[in-house]
Amino acid sequence: MKNKSFLLILGILSIFGIIISSSCKKTKPGKAIITVTDSLNQPVYGATVNLNSDNNPKPGVVKDKKLTDNNGKTYHEFPLEVILQVEASKGARTAPKSNIHIIPGETATLTVKLK
């Protein structure tokens, strides 16, 4: 009888443990990696990459601006799903505007070319 009671209590505690642990999982942020290249497809160091929601309807405003590293890349994270406009420039050279779709838990990549 004690074994059955023990197993029943152990089973109930296991179920509660599973429910609690699964409800506490945090969603990983969505990541974006933007690569800026020149006309020869070489990475551009120090280019400004601006991600923004200017082309989306209000009320949400999302902006993130970074400079490219030695590999011509910028790294961005967003907690929610977003579609952002990507603008890249260095000096007088600019890349055509692009869009990127970022989903939580995933990594979106985009390469833009300065003209």
N, C-alpha and C. Protein backbone atom coordinates (compact mmCIF):
# COMPACT_ATOMS: atom_id res chain seq x y z
N MET A 1 0.82 -1.19 0.00
CA MET A 1 0.00 0.00 0.00
C MET A 1 0.87 1.25 0.00
N LYS A 2 1.96 1.20 0.80
CA LYS A 2 2.85 2.37 0.87
C LYS A 2 3.52 2.61 -0.48
N ASN A 3 3.83 1.53 -1.19
CA ASN A 3 4.47 1.69 -2.50
C ASN A 3 3.53 2.38 -3.49
N LYS A 4 2.25 2.03 -3.47
CA LYS A 4 1.29 2.65 -4.38
C LYS A 4 1.11 4.13 -4.04
N SER A 5 1.04 4.47 -2.77
CA SER A 5 0.91 5.87 -2.35
C SER A 5 2.14 6.66 -2.74
N PHE A 6 3.30 6.05 -2.54
CA PHE A 6 4.56 6.71 -2.89
C PHE A 6 4.62 6.97 -4.40
N LEU A 7 4.26 5.96 -5.18
CA LEU A 7 4.28 6.12 -6.64
C LEU A 7 3.27 7.17 -7.11
N LEU A 8 2.11 7.20 -6.47
CA LEU A 8 1.10 8.19 -6.83
C LEU A 8 1.60 9.60 -6.54
N ILE A 9 2.17 9.81 -5.37
CA ILE A 9 2.71 11.12 -5.00
C ILE A 9 3.86 11.50 -5.93
N LEU A 10 4.73 10.54 -6.21
CA LEU A 10 5.85 10.79 -7.12
C LEU A 10 5.35 11.16 -8.52
N GLY A 11 4.31 10.49 -8.99
CA GLY A 11 3.74 10.80 -10.30
C GLY A 11 3.15 12.19 -10.35
N ILE A 12 2.42 12.56 -9.30
CA ILE A 12 1.81 13.90 -9.24
C ILE A 12 2.89 14.97 -9.20
N LEU A 13 3.92 14.76 -8.40
CA LEU A 13 5.01 15.73 -8.33
C LEU A 13 5.74 15.85 -9.66
N SER A 14 5.90 14.75 -10.36
CA SER A 14 6.55 14.77 -11.68
C SER A 14 5.73 15.60 -12.67
N ILE A 15 4.42 15.41 -12.65
CA ILE A 15 3.55 16.17 -13.56
C ILE A 15 3.65 17.67 -13.26
N PHE A 16 3.59 18.04 -11.97
CA PHE A 16 3.73 19.45 -11.62
C PHE A 16 5.09 20.00 -12.02
N GLY A 17 6.12 19.21 -11.85
CA GLY A 17 7.47 19.64 -12.25
C GLY A 17 7.56 19.91 -13.73
N ILE A 18 6.95 19.04 -14.52
CA ILE A 18 6.97 19.22 -15.98
C ILE A 18 6.19 20.47 -16.36
N ILE A 19 5.03 20.66 -15.76
CA ILE A 19 4.21 21.84 -16.07
C ILE A 19 4.94 23.12 -15.71
N ILE A 20 5.55 23.16 -14.54
CA ILE A 20 6.26 24.37 -14.10
C ILE A 20 7.47 24.64 -14.96
N SER A 21 8.25 23.62 -15.29
CA SER A 21 9.45 23.84 -16.08
C SER A 21 9.13 24.26 -17.51
N SER A 22 8.05 23.74 -18.09
CA SER A 22 7.71 24.11 -19.46
C SER A 22 7.10 25.50 -19.53
N SER A 23 6.45 25.95 -18.47
CA SER A 23 5.84 27.28 -18.50
C SER A 23 6.85 28.38 -18.22
N CYS A 24 8.03 28.05 -17.75
CA CYS A 24 9.04 29.05 -17.41
C CYS A 24 10.05 29.26 -18.53
N LYS A 25 9.91 28.56 -19.62
CA LYS A 25 10.87 28.70 -20.71
C LYS A 25 10.74 30.08 -21.33
N LYS A 26 11.88 30.74 -21.50
CA LYS A 26 11.88 32.05 -22.15
C LYS A 26 12.14 31.87 -23.63
N THR A 27 11.48 32.69 -24.42
CA THR A 27 11.71 32.67 -25.85
C THR A 27 13.00 33.40 -26.14
N LYS A 28 13.83 32.78 -26.95
CA LYS A 28 15.09 33.42 -27.32
C LYS A 28 14.79 34.57 -28.27
N PRO A 29 15.59 35.64 -28.20
CA PRO A 29 15.35 36.76 -29.10
C PRO A 29 15.67 36.40 -30.55
N GLY A 30 15.05 37.14 -31.45
CA GLY A 30 15.38 36.99 -32.85
C GLY A 30 16.66 37.75 -33.14
N LYS A 31 17.49 37.20 -33.98
CA LYS A 31 18.78 37.82 -34.30
C LYS A 31 18.85 38.18 -35.77
N ALA A 32 19.58 39.24 -36.05
CA ALA A 32 19.82 39.65 -37.43
C ALA A 32 21.30 39.90 -37.61
N ILE A 33 21.85 39.38 -38.68
CA ILE A 33 23.24 39.64 -39.04
C ILE A 33 23.21 40.31 -40.41
N ILE A 34 23.68 41.55 -40.44
CA ILE A 34 23.73 42.32 -41.68
C ILE A 34 25.18 42.41 -42.13
N THR A 35 25.45 42.05 -43.38
CA THR A 35 26.79 42.15 -43.94
C THR A 35 26.78 43.23 -45.01
N VAL A 36 27.76 44.14 -44.93
CA VAL A 36 27.88 45.22 -45.91
C VAL A 36 29.13 44.96 -46.75
N THR A 37 28.95 44.95 -48.08
CA THR A 37 30.07 44.74 -48.99
C THR A 37 30.18 45.90 -49.97
N ASP A 38 31.33 45.97 -50.61
CA ASP A 38 31.53 46.99 -51.65
C ASP A 38 31.26 46.38 -53.02
N SER A 39 31.57 47.10 -54.07
CA SER A 39 31.28 46.63 -55.43
C SER A 39 32.11 45.40 -55.82
N LEU A 40 33.20 45.14 -55.07
CA LEU A 40 34.03 43.96 -55.33
C LEU A 40 33.69 42.81 -54.37
N ASN A 41 32.57 42.93 -53.67
CA ASN A 41 32.12 41.95 -52.68
C ASN A 41 33.08 41.80 -51.51
N GLN A 42 33.84 42.84 -51.22
CA GLN A 42 34.72 42.86 -50.05
C GLN A 42 33.97 43.47 -48.88
N PRO A 43 34.18 42.97 -47.65
CA PRO A 43 33.49 43.54 -46.49
C PRO A 43 33.90 44.99 -46.26
N VAL A 44 32.96 45.80 -45.80
CA VAL A 44 33.21 47.22 -45.55
C VAL A 44 33.23 47.46 -44.05
N TYR A 45 34.36 47.91 -43.54
CA TYR A 45 34.53 48.23 -42.12
C TYR A 45 34.01 49.64 -41.84
N GLY A 46 33.30 49.82 -40.74
CA GLY A 46 32.87 51.15 -40.31
C GLY A 46 31.68 51.72 -41.03
N ALA A 47 30.94 50.89 -41.74
CA ALA A 47 29.71 51.37 -42.38
C ALA A 47 28.60 51.45 -41.33
N THR A 48 27.71 52.41 -41.49
CA THR A 48 26.58 52.56 -40.57
C THR A 48 25.41 51.74 -41.08
N VAL A 49 24.88 50.86 -40.21
CA VAL A 49 23.71 50.05 -40.54
C VAL A 49 22.59 50.48 -39.61
N ASN A 50 21.50 50.92 -40.20
CA ASN A 50 20.35 51.41 -39.44
C ASN A 50 19.16 50.50 -39.73
N LEU A 51 18.67 49.81 -38.70
CA LEU A 51 17.45 49.02 -38.81
C LEU A 51 16.34 49.82 -38.15
N ASN A 52 15.21 49.98 -38.86
CA ASN A 52 14.12 50.78 -38.29
C ASN A 52 12.78 50.30 -38.81
N SER A 53 11.75 50.75 -38.12
CA SER A 53 10.37 50.39 -38.49
C SER A 53 9.67 51.55 -39.17
N ASP A 54 10.42 52.45 -39.79
CA ASP A 54 9.82 53.63 -40.41
C ASP A 54 8.80 53.28 -41.49
N ASN A 55 8.96 52.13 -42.16
CA ASN A 55 8.02 51.76 -43.21
C ASN A 55 6.83 50.95 -42.70
N ASN A 56 6.75 50.74 -41.37
CA ASN A 56 5.64 49.99 -40.77
C ASN A 56 4.62 50.95 -40.17
N PRO A 57 3.36 50.49 -40.06
CA PRO A 57 2.35 51.35 -39.43
C PRO A 57 2.63 51.53 -37.95
N LYS A 58 2.14 52.62 -37.39
CA LYS A 58 2.28 52.90 -35.96
C LYS A 58 1.45 51.90 -35.18
N PRO A 59 1.58 51.68 -33.92
CA PRO A 59 2.26 52.47 -32.92
C PRO A 59 3.69 52.04 -32.66
N GLY A 60 4.11 50.86 -33.15
CA GLY A 60 5.43 50.34 -32.80
C GLY A 60 6.55 51.10 -33.46
N VAL A 61 7.54 51.49 -32.68
CA VAL A 61 8.73 52.14 -33.21
C VAL A 61 9.92 51.31 -32.76
N VAL A 62 10.66 50.78 -33.73
CA VAL A 62 11.83 49.96 -33.45
C VAL A 62 12.99 50.55 -34.23
N LYS A 63 14.10 50.79 -33.53
CA LYS A 63 15.29 51.32 -34.19
C LYS A 63 16.53 50.69 -33.57
N ASP A 64 17.53 50.44 -34.39
CA ASP A 64 18.82 49.96 -33.92
C ASP A 64 19.86 50.36 -34.95
N LYS A 65 20.89 51.07 -34.50
CA LYS A 65 21.93 51.55 -35.40
C LYS A 65 23.29 51.08 -34.89
N LYS A 66 24.08 50.47 -35.78
CA LYS A 66 25.40 49.98 -35.41
C LYS A 66 26.38 50.19 -36.55
N LEU A 67 27.68 50.12 -36.21
CA LEU A 67 28.75 50.18 -37.20
C LEU A 67 29.26 48.78 -37.48
N THR A 68 29.63 48.52 -38.73
CA THR A 68 30.13 47.20 -39.10
C THR A 68 31.51 46.95 -38.49
N ASP A 69 31.77 45.67 -38.22
CA ASP A 69 33.06 45.25 -37.69
C ASP A 69 34.05 45.01 -38.84
N ASN A 70 35.20 44.40 -38.52
CA ASN A 70 36.23 44.14 -39.54
C ASN A 70 35.75 43.23 -40.66
N ASN A 71 34.73 42.43 -40.38
CA ASN A 71 34.18 41.52 -41.38
C ASN A 71 32.99 42.11 -42.12
N GLY A 72 32.72 43.40 -41.88
CA GLY A 72 31.60 44.07 -42.55
C GLY A 72 30.25 43.66 -42.00
N LYS A 73 30.21 43.18 -40.75
CA LYS A 73 28.96 42.67 -40.18
C LYS A 73 28.50 43.48 -38.97
N THR A 74 27.19 43.54 -38.81
CA THR A 74 26.58 44.05 -37.58
C THR A 74 25.65 42.97 -37.05
N TYR A 75 25.49 42.98 -35.72
CA TYR A 75 24.68 41.96 -35.05
C TYR A 75 23.59 42.66 -34.24
N HIS A 76 22.35 42.22 -34.42
CA HIS A 76 21.21 42.85 -33.77
C HIS A 76 20.33 41.78 -33.14
N GLU A 77 19.64 42.14 -32.04
CA GLU A 77 18.70 41.23 -31.38
C GLU A 77 17.40 41.98 -31.08
N PHE A 78 16.28 41.27 -31.27
CA PHE A 78 14.96 41.83 -30.99
C PHE A 78 14.11 40.78 -30.30
N PRO A 79 13.40 41.14 -29.23
CA PRO A 79 12.63 40.16 -28.48
C PRO A 79 11.34 39.70 -29.18
N LEU A 80 10.83 40.50 -30.09
CA LEU A 80 9.57 40.18 -30.76
C LEU A 80 9.78 40.03 -32.26
N GLU A 81 8.80 39.45 -32.94
CA GLU A 81 8.87 39.34 -34.40
C GLU A 81 8.70 40.71 -35.02
N VAL A 82 9.61 41.05 -35.94
CA VAL A 82 9.55 42.36 -36.59
C VAL A 82 9.97 42.24 -38.05
N ILE A 83 9.46 43.16 -38.86
CA ILE A 83 9.95 43.35 -40.22
C ILE A 83 10.51 44.76 -40.24
N LEU A 84 11.80 44.86 -40.52
CA LEU A 84 12.48 46.15 -40.43
C LEU A 84 13.10 46.54 -41.77
N GLN A 85 13.20 47.83 -41.95
CA GLN A 85 13.89 48.40 -43.10
C GLN A 85 15.37 48.48 -42.77
N VAL A 86 16.22 48.12 -43.71
CA VAL A 86 17.66 48.15 -43.51
C VAL A 86 18.26 49.23 -44.40
N GLU A 87 18.98 50.17 -43.79
CA GLU A 87 19.67 51.22 -44.52
C GLU A 87 21.15 51.14 -44.15
N ALA A 88 22.01 51.13 -45.14
CA ALA A 88 23.45 51.06 -44.88
C ALA A 88 24.15 52.15 -45.68
N SER A 89 25.17 52.75 -45.05
CA SER A 89 25.92 53.81 -45.74
C SER A 89 27.31 53.93 -45.15
N LYS A 90 28.20 54.47 -45.96
CA LYS A 90 29.53 54.86 -45.50
C LYS A 90 29.95 56.04 -46.37
N GLY A 91 30.10 57.19 -45.73
CA GLY A 91 30.39 58.41 -46.48
C GLY A 91 29.25 58.70 -47.44
N ALA A 92 29.59 58.92 -48.70
CA ALA A 92 28.57 59.24 -49.71
C ALA A 92 27.97 57.98 -50.34
N ARG A 93 28.56 56.82 -50.04
CA ARG A 93 28.05 55.58 -50.63
C ARG A 93 26.91 55.02 -49.79
N THR A 94 25.85 54.59 -50.46
CA THR A 94 24.71 53.99 -49.77
C THR A 94 24.31 52.71 -50.48
N ALA A 95 23.62 51.86 -49.75
CA ALA A 95 23.06 50.63 -50.32
C ALA A 95 21.57 50.85 -50.54
N PRO A 96 21.00 50.20 -51.53
CA PRO A 96 19.55 50.29 -51.69
C PRO A 96 18.86 49.79 -50.42
N LYS A 97 17.76 50.43 -50.07
CA LYS A 97 17.01 50.02 -48.87
C LYS A 97 16.48 48.61 -49.07
N SER A 98 16.54 47.83 -47.99
CA SER A 98 16.05 46.45 -48.00
C SER A 98 15.18 46.23 -46.77
N ASN A 99 14.50 45.11 -46.74
CA ASN A 99 13.72 44.70 -45.57
C ASN A 99 14.23 43.37 -45.06
N ILE A 100 14.10 43.17 -43.74
CA ILE A 100 14.49 41.91 -43.13
C ILE A 100 13.41 41.50 -42.14
N HIS A 101 13.08 40.22 -42.15
CA HIS A 101 12.05 39.66 -41.26
C HIS A 101 12.76 38.89 -40.15
N ILE A 102 12.57 39.33 -38.90
CA ILE A 102 13.25 38.73 -37.76
C ILE A 102 12.22 38.02 -36.90
N ILE A 103 12.48 36.74 -36.61
CA ILE A 103 11.56 35.90 -35.84
C ILE A 103 12.27 35.44 -34.57
N PRO A 104 11.61 35.53 -33.41
CA PRO A 104 12.24 35.08 -32.17
C PRO A 104 12.76 33.65 -32.27
N GLY A 105 13.96 33.43 -31.76
CA GLY A 105 14.58 32.11 -31.78
C GLY A 105 15.28 31.77 -33.07
N GLU A 106 15.22 32.65 -34.05
CA GLU A 106 15.87 32.39 -35.35
C GLU A 106 16.86 33.50 -35.66
N THR A 107 17.76 33.24 -36.62
CA THR A 107 18.72 34.23 -37.06
C THR A 107 18.48 34.53 -38.53
N ALA A 108 18.21 35.80 -38.82
CA ALA A 108 18.01 36.25 -40.20
C ALA A 108 19.31 36.90 -40.68
N THR A 109 19.68 36.66 -41.91
CA THR A 109 20.89 37.27 -42.46
C THR A 109 20.55 38.03 -43.73
N LEU A 110 21.31 39.09 -43.97
CA LEU A 110 21.11 39.90 -45.15
C LEU A 110 22.44 40.51 -45.55
N THR A 111 22.75 40.48 -46.83
CA THR A 111 23.96 41.14 -47.34
C THR A 111 23.51 42.30 -48.23
N VAL A 112 24.07 43.48 -47.97
CA VAL A 112 23.76 44.66 -48.79
C VAL A 112 25.06 45.16 -49.40
N LYS A 113 24.93 45.74 -50.60
CA LYS A 113 26.11 46.21 -51.34
C LYS A 113 26.06 47.72 -51.47
N LEU A 114 27.14 48.38 -51.03
CA LEU A 114 27.24 49.83 -51.19
C LEU A 114 27.49 50.18 -52.65
N LYS A 115 26.87 51.28 -53.09
CA LYS A 115 27.06 51.74 -54.47
C LYS A 115 27.79 53.06 -54.46
